[in-house]
Amino acid sequence: MKAIEITSYGAPEVLRVAERPDPVAGAGELLIRVAASGVNRPDVLQRKGHYPVPPGASDLPGLEVAGEIVSGDAAALAEAGFKVGDRVCALIAGGGYAELCVAPVAQCLPVPKGWSDLEAASLPETFFTVWSNVFERGRLQKGETLLIQGGSSGIGVTAIQIAKALGATVIVTAGSDDKCEACLKLGADHAINYRTSDFVEEAKKLTGGKGVDVVLDMVAGDYVAREVECLAEDGRLVIIAVQGGVKSEINAGLVLRRRLTITGSTLRPRPVAFKGAIAKALREKVWPLLESGAIKPVIHSTFAAAGEPSGAAQAHALMESNQHIGKIVLTW
């Protein structure tokens, strides 16, 4: 099969098309003929040498794919209601930048009715991440307010749509007026340009001084102290990335007085059973929203994975430019 290798750590150009042996599905797994692969920020970190591959995972980048089942563990397929020839999308621990990809059956979901494989490839990484962090760790409830840092990112556009569909008020930050406008069109109630406004002051103003109930943070660093400032009583701060650095200094008195929760997680190293439970929750509670049109795909650009110059390299360069709104997808 053709695959995209990280030939050495460095700039996008280190991503090269290579030939690899076809993978074989083992117990509890299936093999997908990949139609499209989602591109995510962790892929960029892995390319730079900052995101170690979990033990046992493929060294190839790529954490989500969509395509057709070509083989698999018959018992696991039957238990999940899948069969050879079905179209699925899957969350994987690596190996997604390839024409063939092995995935745990438990981490696969059917391509939503009415969606293409290309659209479905944009789903798993962000949907698993948002559900696990915003709704399980962050416990966002109907009627509460969610603040999303980076609303125009792949994670952001997913969080906006799911939170709104489930009855929350959504405030986002973004780095330009155009990105703020795009977030509003996706359903966000308010959008704050963090380059021209203080999101703490704006969040307090928009909530009548109460503060927000949940913050989804991909920045960390000095953002954490400011996020603590704008949380309501019993508020929850969920950190899922540290683009602004790993060190933070906070007002611990506010944590005590407002009974705040500061938490976070990484998804990639978690066991199959954990991810399988998220898949079940998504299938039950979110997939109907996808099939009804309440949640729509937001794909900024697609690139031919095995093209010349490397489509993967172009995709990574775009992601690092931060000029995209929504997802970037490779096609095979």
C-alpha atoms as a PDB file:
ATOM      1  CA  MET A   1       0.000   0.000   0.000  1.00  0.00           C
ATOM      2  CA  LYS A   2       0.941   3.650  -0.327  1.00  0.00           C
ATOM      3  CA  ALA A   3       1.428   5.525   2.913  1.00  0.00           C
ATOM      4  CA  ILE A   4       2.800   8.833   4.183  1.00  0.00           C
ATOM      5  CA  GLU A   5       5.935   8.452   6.301  1.00  0.00           C
ATOM      6  CA  ILE A   6       7.664  10.902   8.605  1.00  0.00           C
ATOM      7  CA  THR A   7      11.162  10.518   7.148  1.00  0.00           C
ATOM      8  CA  SER A   8      12.743  12.616   9.916  1.00  0.00           C
ATOM      9  CA  TYR A   9      11.478  15.152  12.432  1.00  0.00           C
ATOM     10  CA  GLY A  10      11.055  18.608  10.950  1.00  0.00           C
ATOM     11  CA  ALA A  11       9.087  20.794   8.545  1.00  0.00           C
ATOM     12  CA  PRO A  12       6.098  19.564   6.480  1.00  0.00           C
ATOM     13  CA  GLU A  13       8.449  18.492   3.676  1.00  0.00           C
ATOM     14  CA  VAL A  14       9.628  15.509   5.767  1.00  0.00           C
ATOM     15  CA  LEU A  15       6.284  13.843   4.944  1.00  0.00           C
ATOM     16  CA  ARG A  16       6.888  11.555   1.953  1.00  0.00           C
ATOM     17  CA  VAL A  17       4.908   8.950   0.026  1.00  0.00           C
ATOM     18  CA  ALA A  18       6.263   5.433   0.632  1.00  0.00           C
ATOM     19  CA  GLU A  19       5.338   1.799   0.067  1.00  0.00           C
ATOM     20  CA  ARG A  20       4.464  -0.230   3.150  1.00  0.00           C
ATOM     21  CA  PRO A  21       3.276  -3.846   3.604  1.00  0.00           C
ATOM     22  CA  ASP A  22      -0.496  -4.164   3.798  1.00  0.00           C
ATOM     23  CA  PRO A  23      -1.579  -4.352   7.455  1.00  0.00           C
ATOM     24  CA  VAL A  24      -3.607  -7.314   8.715  1.00  0.00           C
ATOM     25  CA  ALA A  25      -6.504  -7.072  11.173  1.00  0.00           C
ATOM     26  CA  GLY A  26      -6.086  -9.032  14.396  1.00  0.00           C
ATOM     27  CA  ALA A  27      -8.480 -10.012  17.171  1.00  0.00           C
ATOM     28  CA  GLY A  28     -11.122  -7.349  17.747  1.00  0.00           C
ATOM     29  CA  GLU A  29      -9.978  -5.398  14.691  1.00  0.00           C
ATOM     30  CA  LEU A  30     -11.047  -4.669  11.139  1.00  0.00           C
ATOM     31  CA  LEU A  31      -9.203  -3.513   8.023  1.00  0.00           C
ATOM     32  CA  ILE A  32     -10.389  -0.393   6.215  1.00  0.00           C
ATOM     33  CA  ARG A  33      -9.672   0.572   2.605  1.00  0.00           C
ATOM     34  CA  VAL A  34      -9.176   4.249   3.314  1.00  0.00           C
ATOM     35  CA  ALA A  35     -11.015   6.799   1.206  1.00  0.00           C
ATOM     36  CA  ALA A  36     -10.037   9.796   3.319  1.00  0.00           C
ATOM     37  CA  SER A  37      -7.882  10.624   6.352  1.00  0.00           C
ATOM     38  CA  GLY A  38      -8.417  13.524   8.724  1.00  0.00           C
ATOM     39  CA  VAL A  39      -5.502  15.824   9.589  1.00  0.00           C
ATOM     40  CA  ASN A  40      -5.160  16.950  13.194  1.00  0.00           C
ATOM     41  CA  ARG A  41      -2.841  19.052  15.355  1.00  0.00           C
ATOM     42  CA  PRO A  42      -1.327  15.949  17.039  1.00  0.00           C
ATOM     43  CA  ASP A  43      -0.136  14.810  13.580  1.00  0.00           C
ATOM     44  CA  VAL A  44       1.878  18.029  13.350  1.00  0.00           C
ATOM     45  CA  LEU A  45       3.321  17.478  16.822  1.00  0.00           C
ATOM     46  CA  GLN A  46       4.278  13.906  15.906  1.00  0.00           C
ATOM     47  CA  ARG A  47       5.978  15.131  12.721  1.00  0.00           C
ATOM     48  CA  LYS A  48       8.054  17.531  14.804  1.00  0.00           C
ATOM     49  CA  GLY A  49       9.016  14.834  17.313  1.00  0.00           C
ATOM     50  CA  HIS A  50       6.892  16.231  20.157  1.00  0.00           C
ATOM     51  CA  TYR A  51       4.206  13.525  20.350  1.00  0.00           C
ATOM     52  CA  PRO A  52       5.582  10.007  20.969  1.00  0.00           C
ATOM     53  CA  VAL A  53       3.695   7.130  19.351  1.00  0.00           C
ATOM     54  CA  PRO A  54       1.937   4.961  21.985  1.00  0.00           C
ATOM     55  CA  PRO A  55       3.361   1.443  22.438  1.00  0.00           C
ATOM     56  CA  GLY A  56       2.061  -0.907  19.764  1.00  0.00           C
ATOM     57  CA  ALA A  57       0.698   1.844  17.484  1.00  0.00           C
ATOM     58  CA  SER A  58       1.774   2.423  13.880  1.00  0.00           C
ATOM     59  CA  ASP A  59       4.593   4.911  13.349  1.00  0.00           C
ATOM     60  CA  LEU A  60       2.589   6.395  10.482  1.00  0.00           C
ATOM     61  CA  PRO A  61       0.705   9.579  11.367  1.00  0.00           C
ATOM     62  CA  GLY A  62      -3.068   9.835  11.190  1.00  0.00           C
ATOM     63  CA  LEU A  63      -5.668   9.445  13.950  1.00  0.00           C
ATOM     64  CA  GLU A  64      -8.911   9.180  11.939  1.00  0.00           C
ATOM     65  CA  VAL A  65     -10.041   7.600   8.681  1.00  0.00           C
ATOM     66  CA  ALA A  66     -13.141   6.703   6.725  1.00  0.00           C
ATOM     67  CA  GLY A  67     -13.649   4.045   4.082  1.00  0.00           C
ATOM     68  CA  GLU A  68     -14.843   0.506   3.419  1.00  0.00           C
ATOM     69  CA  ILE A  69     -14.379  -2.573   5.594  1.00  0.00           C
ATOM     70  CA  VAL A  70     -12.390  -5.171   3.611  1.00  0.00           C
ATOM     71  CA  SER A  71     -11.834  -7.795   6.328  1.00  0.00           C
ATOM     72  CA  GLY A  72     -11.880  -8.278  10.059  1.00  0.00           C
ATOM     73  CA  ASP A  73     -12.539 -10.338  13.176  1.00  0.00           C
ATOM     74  CA  ALA A  74     -15.846 -12.013  12.240  1.00  0.00           C
ATOM     75  CA  ALA A  75     -17.136 -12.255  15.808  1.00  0.00           C
ATOM     76  CA  ALA A  76     -16.260  -8.638  16.649  1.00  0.00           C
ATOM     77  CA  LEU A  77     -17.819  -7.416  13.390  1.00  0.00           C
ATOM     78  CA  ALA A  78     -21.042  -9.324  14.059  1.00  0.00           C
ATOM     79  CA  GLU A  79     -21.258  -8.067  17.648  1.00  0.00           C
ATOM     80  CA  ALA A  80     -20.891  -4.472  16.445  1.00  0.00           C
ATOM     81  CA  GLY A  81     -23.405  -4.941  13.620  1.00  0.00           C
ATOM     82  CA  PHE A  82     -20.827  -4.437  10.856  1.00  0.00           C
ATOM     83  CA  LYS A  83     -20.004  -6.560   7.814  1.00  0.00           C
ATOM     84  CA  VAL A  84     -17.425  -6.536   5.041  1.00  0.00           C
ATOM     85  CA  GLY A  85     -18.340  -3.810   2.551  1.00  0.00           C
ATOM     86  CA  ASP A  86     -19.843  -1.444   5.131  1.00  0.00           C
ATOM     87  CA  ARG A  87     -18.629   2.159   5.170  1.00  0.00           C
ATOM     88  CA  VAL A  88     -17.217   3.246   8.517  1.00  0.00           C
ATOM     89  CA  CYS A  89     -15.170   5.987  10.107  1.00  0.00           C
ATOM     90  CA  ALA A  90     -12.724   5.175  12.866  1.00  0.00           C
ATOM     91  CA  LEU A  91     -10.600   6.681  15.601  1.00  0.00           C
ATOM     92  CA  ILE A  92      -7.134   5.093  15.600  1.00  0.00           C
ATOM     93  CA  ALA A  93      -3.891   5.460  17.544  1.00  0.00           C
ATOM     94  CA  GLY A  94      -1.857   5.934  14.342  1.00  0.00           C
ATOM     95  CA  GLY A  95      -1.551   4.675  10.777  1.00  0.00           C
ATOM     96  CA  GLY A  96      -4.285   6.766   9.212  1.00  0.00           C
ATOM     97  CA  TYR A  97      -2.156   8.303   6.458  1.00  0.00           C
ATOM     98  CA  ALA A  98      -2.316   5.163   4.322  1.00  0.00           C
ATOM     99  CA  GLU A  99      -4.435   3.355   1.740  1.00  0.00           C
ATOM    100  CA  LEU A 100      -5.208   0.590   4.235  1.00  0.00           C
ATOM    101  CA  CYS A 101      -5.627   0.951   7.977  1.00  0.00           C
ATOM    102  CA  VAL A 102      -6.382  -1.392  10.884  1.00  0.00           C
ATOM    103  CA  ALA A 103      -8.800  -0.140  13.536  1.00  0.00           C
ATOM    104  CA  PRO A 104     -10.323  -1.637  16.689  1.00  0.00           C
ATOM    105  CA  VAL A 105     -13.925  -2.534  15.867  1.00  0.00           C
ATOM    106  CA  ALA A 106     -15.054  -0.800  19.074  1.00  0.00           C
ATOM    107  CA  GLN A 107     -13.637   2.510  17.816  1.00  0.00           C
ATOM    108  CA  CYS A 108     -15.534   2.406  14.513  1.00  0.00           C
ATOM    109  CA  LEU A 109     -18.819   4.109  13.715  1.00  0.00           C
ATOM    110  CA  PRO A 110     -20.978   3.882  10.613  1.00  0.00           C
ATOM    111  CA  VAL A 111     -20.617   6.673   8.081  1.00  0.00           C
ATOM    112  CA  PRO A 112     -23.689   8.802   8.894  1.00  0.00           C
ATOM    113  CA  LYS A 113     -26.534   8.484   6.396  1.00  0.00           C
ATOM    114  CA  GLY A 114     -26.196  11.164   3.728  1.00  0.00           C
ATOM    115  CA  TRP A 115     -22.513  11.805   4.459  1.00  0.00           C
ATOM    116  CA  SER A 116     -19.634  11.047   2.100  1.00  0.00           C
ATOM    117  CA  ASP A 117     -16.506   9.187   3.209  1.00  0.00           C
ATOM    118  CA  LEU A 118     -14.586  12.444   2.884  1.00  0.00           C
ATOM    119  CA  GLU A 119     -17.006  14.172   5.259  1.00  0.00           C
ATOM    120  CA  ALA A 120     -17.010  11.221   7.661  1.00  0.00           C
ATOM    121  CA  ALA A 121     -13.203  11.271   7.882  1.00  0.00           C
ATOM    122  CA  SER A 122     -13.504  14.691   9.537  1.00  0.00           C
ATOM    123  CA  LEU A 123     -15.493  13.276  12.455  1.00  0.00           C
ATOM    124  CA  PRO A 124     -13.744  10.824  14.802  1.00  0.00           C
ATOM    125  CA  GLU A 125     -10.824  12.690  16.380  1.00  0.00           C
ATOM    126  CA  THR A 126     -12.725  15.873  17.165  1.00  0.00           C
ATOM    127  CA  PHE A 127     -16.030  14.211  18.057  1.00  0.00           C
ATOM    128  CA  PHE A 128     -14.450  11.668  20.415  1.00  0.00           C
ATOM    129  CA  THR A 129     -12.358  14.455  21.973  1.00  0.00           C
ATOM    130  CA  VAL A 130     -15.215  16.910  22.415  1.00  0.00           C
ATOM    131  CA  TRP A 131     -17.629  14.323  23.792  1.00  0.00           C
ATOM    132  CA  SER A 132     -15.090  12.939  26.255  1.00  0.00           C
ATOM    133  CA  ASN A 133     -13.926  16.321  27.497  1.00  0.00           C
ATOM    134  CA  VAL A 134     -16.865  18.714  27.255  1.00  0.00           C
ATOM    135  CA  PHE A 135     -19.693  16.343  28.128  1.00  0.00           C
ATOM    136  CA  GLU A 136     -18.040  13.652  30.255  1.00  0.00           C
ATOM    137  CA  ARG A 137     -15.188  15.418  32.059  1.00  0.00           C
ATOM    138  CA  GLY A 138     -16.712  18.913  31.815  1.00  0.00           C
ATOM    139  CA  ARG A 139     -20.292  17.720  32.471  1.00  0.00           C
ATOM    140  CA  LEU A 140     -21.815  20.450  30.296  1.00  0.00           C
ATOM    141  CA  GLN A 141     -25.592  20.510  30.770  1.00  0.00           C
ATOM    142  CA  LYS A 142     -28.498  21.967  28.829  1.00  0.00           C
ATOM    143  CA  GLY A 143     -28.887  25.640  29.748  1.00  0.00           C
ATOM    144  CA  GLU A 144     -25.245  26.119  30.782  1.00  0.00           C
ATOM    145  CA  THR A 145     -22.660  28.302  29.054  1.00  0.00           C
ATOM    146  CA  LEU A 146     -19.570  26.923  27.312  1.00  0.00           C
ATOM    147  CA  LEU A 147     -16.522  29.031  26.398  1.00  0.00           C
ATOM    148  CA  ILE A 148     -14.449  27.506  23.571  1.00  0.00           C
ATOM    149  CA  GLN A 149     -10.921  28.775  23.011  1.00  0.00           C
ATOM    150  CA  GLY A 150     -10.151  28.582  19.279  1.00  0.00           C
ATOM    151  CA  GLY A 151     -13.679  28.287  17.960  1.00  0.00           C
ATOM    152  CA  SER A 152     -12.678  28.030  14.303  1.00  0.00           C
ATOM    153  CA  SER A 153     -10.415  24.989  14.784  1.00  0.00           C
ATOM    154  CA  GLY A 154     -11.547  21.448  14.026  1.00  0.00           C
ATOM    155  CA  ILE A 155     -12.238  20.915  17.728  1.00  0.00           C
ATOM    156  CA  GLY A 156     -13.937  24.293  17.955  1.00  0.00           C
ATOM    157  CA  VAL A 157     -16.420  23.860  15.114  1.00  0.00           C
ATOM    158  CA  THR A 158     -17.334  20.433  16.507  1.00  0.00           C
ATOM    159  CA  ALA A 159     -17.821  21.728  20.052  1.00  0.00           C
ATOM    160  CA  ILE A 160     -19.962  24.644  18.825  1.00  0.00           C
ATOM    161  CA  GLN A 161     -22.345  22.408  16.939  1.00  0.00           C
ATOM    162  CA  ILE A 162     -22.730  19.632  19.516  1.00  0.00           C
ATOM    163  CA  ALA A 163     -23.121  22.041  22.440  1.00  0.00           C
ATOM    164  CA  LYS A 164     -25.734  24.122  20.617  1.00  0.00           C
ATOM    165  CA  ALA A 165     -27.631  21.023  19.463  1.00  0.00           C
ATOM    166  CA  LEU A 166     -27.794  19.828  23.078  1.00  0.00           C
ATOM    167  CA  GLY A 167     -29.085  23.118  24.440  1.00  0.00           C
ATOM    168  CA  ALA A 168     -26.047  25.038  25.742  1.00  0.00           C
ATOM    169  CA  THR A 169     -25.127  28.690  25.200  1.00  0.00           C
ATOM    170  CA  VAL A 170     -21.812  28.954  23.350  1.00  0.00           C
ATOM    171  CA  ILE A 171     -19.180  31.685  23.501  1.00  0.00           C
ATOM    172  CA  VAL A 172     -16.039  31.299  21.376  1.00  0.00           C
ATOM    173  CA  THR A 173     -12.748  33.079  20.935  1.00  0.00           C
ATOM    174  CA  ALA A 174     -11.027  33.350  17.563  1.00  0.00           C
ATOM    175  CA  GLY A 175      -8.118  35.311  16.104  1.00  0.00           C
ATOM    176  CA  SER A 176      -9.869  37.398  13.442  1.00  0.00           C
ATOM    177  CA  ASP A 177     -13.222  38.976  12.698  1.00  0.00           C
ATOM    178  CA  ASP A 178     -13.688  36.578   9.768  1.00  0.00           C
ATOM    179  CA  LYS A 179     -13.167  33.576  12.022  1.00  0.00           C
ATOM    180  CA  CYS A 180     -15.555  35.041  14.592  1.00  0.00           C
ATOM    181  CA  GLU A 181     -18.183  35.494  11.879  1.00  0.00           C
ATOM    182  CA  ALA A 182     -17.711  31.893  10.735  1.00  0.00           C
ATOM    183  CA  CYS A 183     -18.265  30.663  14.297  1.00  0.00           C
ATOM    184  CA  LEU A 184     -21.458  32.685  14.586  1.00  0.00           C
ATOM    185  CA  LYS A 185     -22.739  31.171  11.346  1.00  0.00           C
ATOM    186  CA  LEU A 186     -22.120  27.716  12.799  1.00  0.00           C
ATOM    187  CA  GLY A 187     -24.360  28.552  15.741  1.00  0.00           C
ATOM    188  CA  ALA A 188     -22.148  30.178  18.375  1.00  0.00           C
ATOM    189  CA  ASP A 189     -24.120  32.738  20.383  1.00  0.00           C
ATOM    190  CA  HIS A 190     -21.162  35.084  20.832  1.00  0.00           C
ATOM    191  CA  ALA A 191     -17.680  35.344  19.318  1.00  0.00           C
ATOM    192  CA  ILE A 192     -14.768  37.271  20.840  1.00  0.00           C
ATOM    193  CA  ASN A 193     -11.764  38.359  18.767  1.00  0.00           C
ATOM    194  CA  TYR A 194      -9.000  37.685  21.309  1.00  0.00           C
ATOM    195  CA  ARG A 195      -6.606  39.974  19.424  1.00  0.00           C
ATOM    196  CA  THR A 196      -8.793  43.042  19.992  1.00  0.00           C
ATOM    197  CA  SER A 197     -10.770  42.195  23.157  1.00  0.00           C
ATOM    198  CA  ASP A 198     -10.128  40.730  26.616  1.00  0.00           C
ATOM    199  CA  PHE A 199     -12.042  37.452  26.654  1.00  0.00           C
ATOM    200  CA  VAL A 200     -12.315  37.535  30.480  1.00  0.00           C
ATOM    201  CA  GLU A 201     -14.080  40.900  30.496  1.00  0.00           C
ATOM    202  CA  GLU A 202     -16.273  39.947  27.535  1.00  0.00           C
ATOM    203  CA  ALA A 203     -17.264  36.570  28.996  1.00  0.00           C
ATOM    204  CA  LYS A 204     -18.262  38.212  32.286  1.00  0.00           C
ATOM    205  CA  LYS A 205     -20.209  40.881  30.451  1.00  0.00           C
ATOM    206  CA  LEU A 206     -22.022  38.349  28.253  1.00  0.00           C
ATOM    207  CA  THR A 207     -23.041  36.302  31.301  1.00  0.00           C
ATOM    208  CA  GLY A 208     -24.198  39.260  33.399  1.00  0.00           C
ATOM    209  CA  GLY A 209     -21.192  38.910  35.682  1.00  0.00           C
ATOM    210  CA  LYS A 210     -21.952  35.260  36.507  1.00  0.00           C
ATOM    211  CA  GLY A 211     -19.181  33.720  34.407  1.00  0.00           C
ATOM    212  CA  VAL A 212     -19.203  30.635  32.212  1.00  0.00           C
ATOM    213  CA  ASP A 213     -19.896  27.093  33.405  1.00  0.00           C
ATOM    214  CA  VAL A 214     -17.347  25.231  31.273  1.00  0.00           C
ATOM    215  CA  VAL A 215     -14.192  26.295  29.415  1.00  0.00           C
ATOM    216  CA  LEU A 216     -12.655  24.116  26.696  1.00  0.00           C
ATOM    217  CA  ASP A 217      -9.000  25.161  26.533  1.00  0.00           C
ATOM    218  CA  MET A 218      -6.423  24.206  23.899  1.00  0.00           C
ATOM    219  CA  VAL A 219      -3.918  26.873  24.938  1.00  0.00           C
ATOM    220  CA  ALA A 220      -3.044  26.437  28.669  1.00  0.00           C
ATOM    221  CA  GLY A 221      -0.020  28.537  29.706  1.00  0.00           C
ATOM    222  CA  ASP A 222      -1.051  31.962  30.964  1.00  0.00           C
ATOM    223  CA  TYR A 223      -4.596  31.412  29.664  1.00  0.00           C
ATOM    224  CA  VAL A 224      -5.376  29.176  32.651  1.00  0.00           C
ATOM    225  CA  ALA A 225      -5.267  32.013  35.196  1.00  0.00           C
ATOM    226  CA  ARG A 226      -7.543  34.141  33.020  1.00  0.00           C
ATOM    227  CA  GLU A 227      -9.969  31.250  32.506  1.00  0.00           C
ATOM    228  CA  VAL A 228     -10.209  30.703  36.257  1.00  0.00           C
ATOM    229  CA  GLU A 229     -11.181  34.377  36.517  1.00  0.00           C
ATOM    230  CA  CYS A 230     -14.137  33.985  34.148  1.00  0.00           C
ATOM    231  CA  LEU A 231     -15.581  30.723  35.520  1.00  0.00           C
ATOM    232  CA  ALA A 232     -18.898  30.755  37.360  1.00  0.00           C
ATOM    233  CA  GLU A 233     -19.406  29.064  40.718  1.00  0.00           C
ATOM    234  CA  ASP A 234     -18.922  25.294  40.355  1.00  0.00           C
ATOM    235  CA  GLY A 235     -17.332  25.977  36.946  1.00  0.00           C
ATOM    236  CA  ARG A 236     -15.175  23.442  35.133  1.00  0.00           C
ATOM    237  CA  LEU A 237     -12.021  24.137  33.122  1.00  0.00           C
ATOM    238  CA  VAL A 238     -11.013  21.331  30.745  1.00  0.00           C
ATOM    239  CA  ILE A 239      -7.525  21.502  29.188  1.00  0.00           C
ATOM    240  CA  ILE A 240      -6.922  19.379  26.072  1.00  0.00           C
ATOM    241  CA  ALA A 241      -3.742  20.912  24.638  1.00  0.00           C
ATOM    242  CA  VAL A 242      -0.880  23.146  25.742  1.00  0.00           C
ATOM    243  CA  GLN A 243      -0.149  25.305  22.704  1.00  0.00           C
ATOM    244  CA  GLY A 244       0.620  28.228  25.024  1.00  0.00           C
ATOM    245  CA  GLY A 245       2.940  26.283  27.325  1.00  0.00           C
ATOM    246  CA  VAL A 246       2.718  23.812  30.198  1.00  0.00           C
ATOM    247  CA  LYS A 247       3.258  26.183  33.138  1.00  0.00           C
ATOM    248  CA  SER A 248       0.430  28.195  34.686  1.00  0.00           C
ATOM    249  CA  GLU A 249      -0.003  30.317  37.793  1.00  0.00           C
ATOM    250  CA  ILE A 250      -3.525  30.635  39.172  1.00  0.00           C
ATOM    251  CA  ASN A 251      -5.456  32.353  41.941  1.00  0.00           C
ATOM    252  CA  ALA A 252      -6.065  29.347  44.181  1.00  0.00           C
ATOM    253  CA  GLY A 253      -8.382  31.437  46.341  1.00  0.00           C
ATOM    254  CA  LEU A 254     -10.845  31.653  43.450  1.00  0.00           C
ATOM    255  CA  VAL A 255     -10.720  27.883  43.020  1.00  0.00           C
ATOM    256  CA  LEU A 256     -11.709  27.497  46.679  1.00  0.00           C
ATOM    257  CA  ARG A 257     -14.360  30.202  46.845  1.00  0.00           C
ATOM    258  CA  ARG A 258     -16.066  29.262  43.588  1.00  0.00           C
ATOM    259  CA  ARG A 259     -15.599  25.480  44.022  1.00  0.00           C
ATOM    260  CA  LEU A 260     -13.907  25.204  40.632  1.00  0.00           C
ATOM    261  CA  THR A 261     -12.694  22.066  38.876  1.00  0.00           C
ATOM    262  CA  ILE A 262      -9.557  22.129  36.705  1.00  0.00           C
ATOM    263  CA  THR A 263      -9.118  18.947  34.679  1.00  0.00           C
ATOM    264  CA  GLY A 264      -7.813  17.707  31.349  1.00  0.00           C
ATOM    265  CA  SER A 265      -7.019  14.622  29.336  1.00  0.00           C
ATOM    266  CA  THR A 266      -5.258  13.110  26.362  1.00  0.00           C
ATOM    267  CA  LEU A 267      -7.177  10.595  24.268  1.00  0.00           C
ATOM    268  CA  ARG A 268      -4.581   8.812  22.142  1.00  0.00           C
ATOM    269  CA  PRO A 269      -3.021   6.573  24.844  1.00  0.00           C
ATOM    270  CA  ARG A 270      -6.343   5.561  26.442  1.00  0.00           C
ATOM    271  CA  PRO A 271      -7.389   1.878  26.113  1.00  0.00           C
ATOM    272  CA  VAL A 272      -9.773   0.551  23.467  1.00  0.00           C
ATOM    273  CA  ALA A 273     -12.501  -0.058  26.051  1.00  0.00           C
ATOM    274  CA  PHE A 274     -12.459   3.628  27.046  1.00  0.00           C
ATOM    275  CA  LYS A 275     -12.664   4.819  23.451  1.00  0.00           C
ATOM    276  CA  GLY A 276     -15.285   2.191  22.663  1.00  0.00           C
ATOM    277  CA  ALA A 277     -17.516   3.605  25.398  1.00  0.00           C
ATOM    278  CA  ILE A 278     -17.223   7.053  23.823  1.00  0.00           C
ATOM    279  CA  ALA A 279     -18.126   5.554  20.428  1.00  0.00           C
ATOM    280  CA  LYS A 280     -21.293   4.045  21.914  1.00  0.00           C
ATOM    281  CA  ALA A 281     -22.304   7.364  23.453  1.00  0.00           C
ATOM    282  CA  LEU A 282     -21.682   9.190  20.165  1.00  0.00           C
ATOM    283  CA  ARG A 283     -23.716   6.652  18.187  1.00  0.00           C
ATOM    284  CA  GLU A 284     -26.628   7.013  20.577  1.00  0.00           C
ATOM    285  CA  LYS A 285     -26.638  10.744  21.268  1.00  0.00           C
ATOM    286  CA  VAL A 286     -24.781  12.518  18.449  1.00  0.00           C
ATOM    287  CA  TRP A 287     -25.102  10.389  15.290  1.00  0.00           C
ATOM    288  CA  PRO A 288     -28.862  11.145  15.036  1.00  0.00           C
ATOM    289  CA  LEU A 289     -27.963  14.857  15.009  1.00  0.00           C
ATOM    290  CA  LEU A 290     -25.545  14.269  12.123  1.00  0.00           C
ATOM    291  CA  GLU A 291     -28.116  12.313  10.121  1.00  0.00           C
ATOM    292  CA  SER A 292     -30.848  14.893  10.735  1.00  0.00           C
ATOM    293  CA  GLY A 293     -28.635  17.743   9.513  1.00  0.00           C
ATOM    294  CA  ALA A 294     -28.549  19.470  12.902  1.00  0.00           C
ATOM    295  CA  ILE A 295     -24.754  19.097  12.770  1.00  0.00           C
ATOM    296  CA  LYS A 296     -22.959  19.595   9.463  1.00  0.00           C
ATOM    297  CA  PRO A 297     -19.431  18.839   8.240  1.00  0.00           C
ATOM    298  CA  VAL A 298     -17.071  21.808   8.241  1.00  0.00           C
ATOM    299  CA  ILE A 299     -14.216  21.029   5.858  1.00  0.00           C
ATOM    300  CA  HIS A 300     -11.867  23.829   4.894  1.00  0.00           C
ATOM    301  CA  SER A 301      -9.601  22.020   2.408  1.00  0.00           C
ATOM    302  CA  THR A 302      -8.840  18.618   0.938  1.00  0.00           C
ATOM    303  CA  PHE A 303      -5.526  17.405  -0.498  1.00  0.00           C
ATOM    304  CA  ALA A 304      -4.620  14.311  -2.519  1.00  0.00           C
ATOM    305  CA  ALA A 305      -2.518  12.366  -0.016  1.00  0.00           C
ATOM    306  CA  ALA A 306      -0.228  10.722  -2.539  1.00  0.00           C
ATOM    307  CA  GLY A 307      -0.034  13.690  -4.898  1.00  0.00           C
ATOM    308  CA  GLU A 308       3.059  15.593  -5.956  1.00  0.00           C
ATOM    309  CA  PRO A 309       4.083  17.681  -4.172  1.00  0.00           C
ATOM    310  CA  SER A 310       2.952  15.769  -1.110  1.00  0.00           C
ATOM    311  CA  GLY A 311      -0.637  16.578  -0.256  1.00  0.00           C
ATOM    312  CA  ALA A 312       0.135  15.718   3.350  1.00  0.00           C
ATOM    313  CA  ALA A 313       2.919  18.309   3.424  1.00  0.00           C
ATOM    314  CA  GLN A 314       0.576  20.944   2.006  1.00  0.00           C
ATOM    315  CA  ALA A 315      -2.079  20.004   4.571  1.00  0.00           C
ATOM    316  CA  HIS A 316       0.376  20.349   7.452  1.00  0.00           C
ATOM    317  CA  ALA A 317       1.621  23.703   6.160  1.00  0.00           C
ATOM    318  CA  LEU A 318      -1.964  24.951   6.053  1.00  0.00           C
ATOM    319  CA  MET A 319      -2.653  23.721   9.583  1.00  0.00           C
ATOM    320  CA  GLU A 320       0.445  25.458  10.912  1.00  0.00           C
ATOM    321  CA  SER A 321      -0.578  28.706   9.202  1.00  0.00           C
ATOM    322  CA  ASN A 322      -3.769  28.732  11.308  1.00  0.00           C
ATOM    323  CA  GLN A 323      -5.646  30.113   8.320  1.00  0.00           C
ATOM    324  CA  HIS A 324      -8.182  27.286   8.141  1.00  0.00           C
ATOM    325  CA  ILE A 325     -11.707  27.198   9.538  1.00  0.00           C
ATOM    326  CA  GLY A 326     -12.779  23.648  10.306  1.00  0.00           C
ATOM    327  CA  LYS A 327     -11.142  20.430   9.175  1.00  0.00           C
ATOM    328  CA  ILE A 328      -8.395  19.511   6.702  1.00  0.00           C
ATOM    329  CA  VAL A 329      -8.730  16.111   4.982  1.00  0.00           C
ATOM    330  CA  LEU A 330      -6.473  13.926   2.824  1.00  0.00           C
ATOM    331  CA  THR A 331      -8.042  11.841   0.031  1.00  0.00           C
ATOM    332  CA  TRP A 332      -6.752   8.538  -1.375  1.00  0.00           C
END
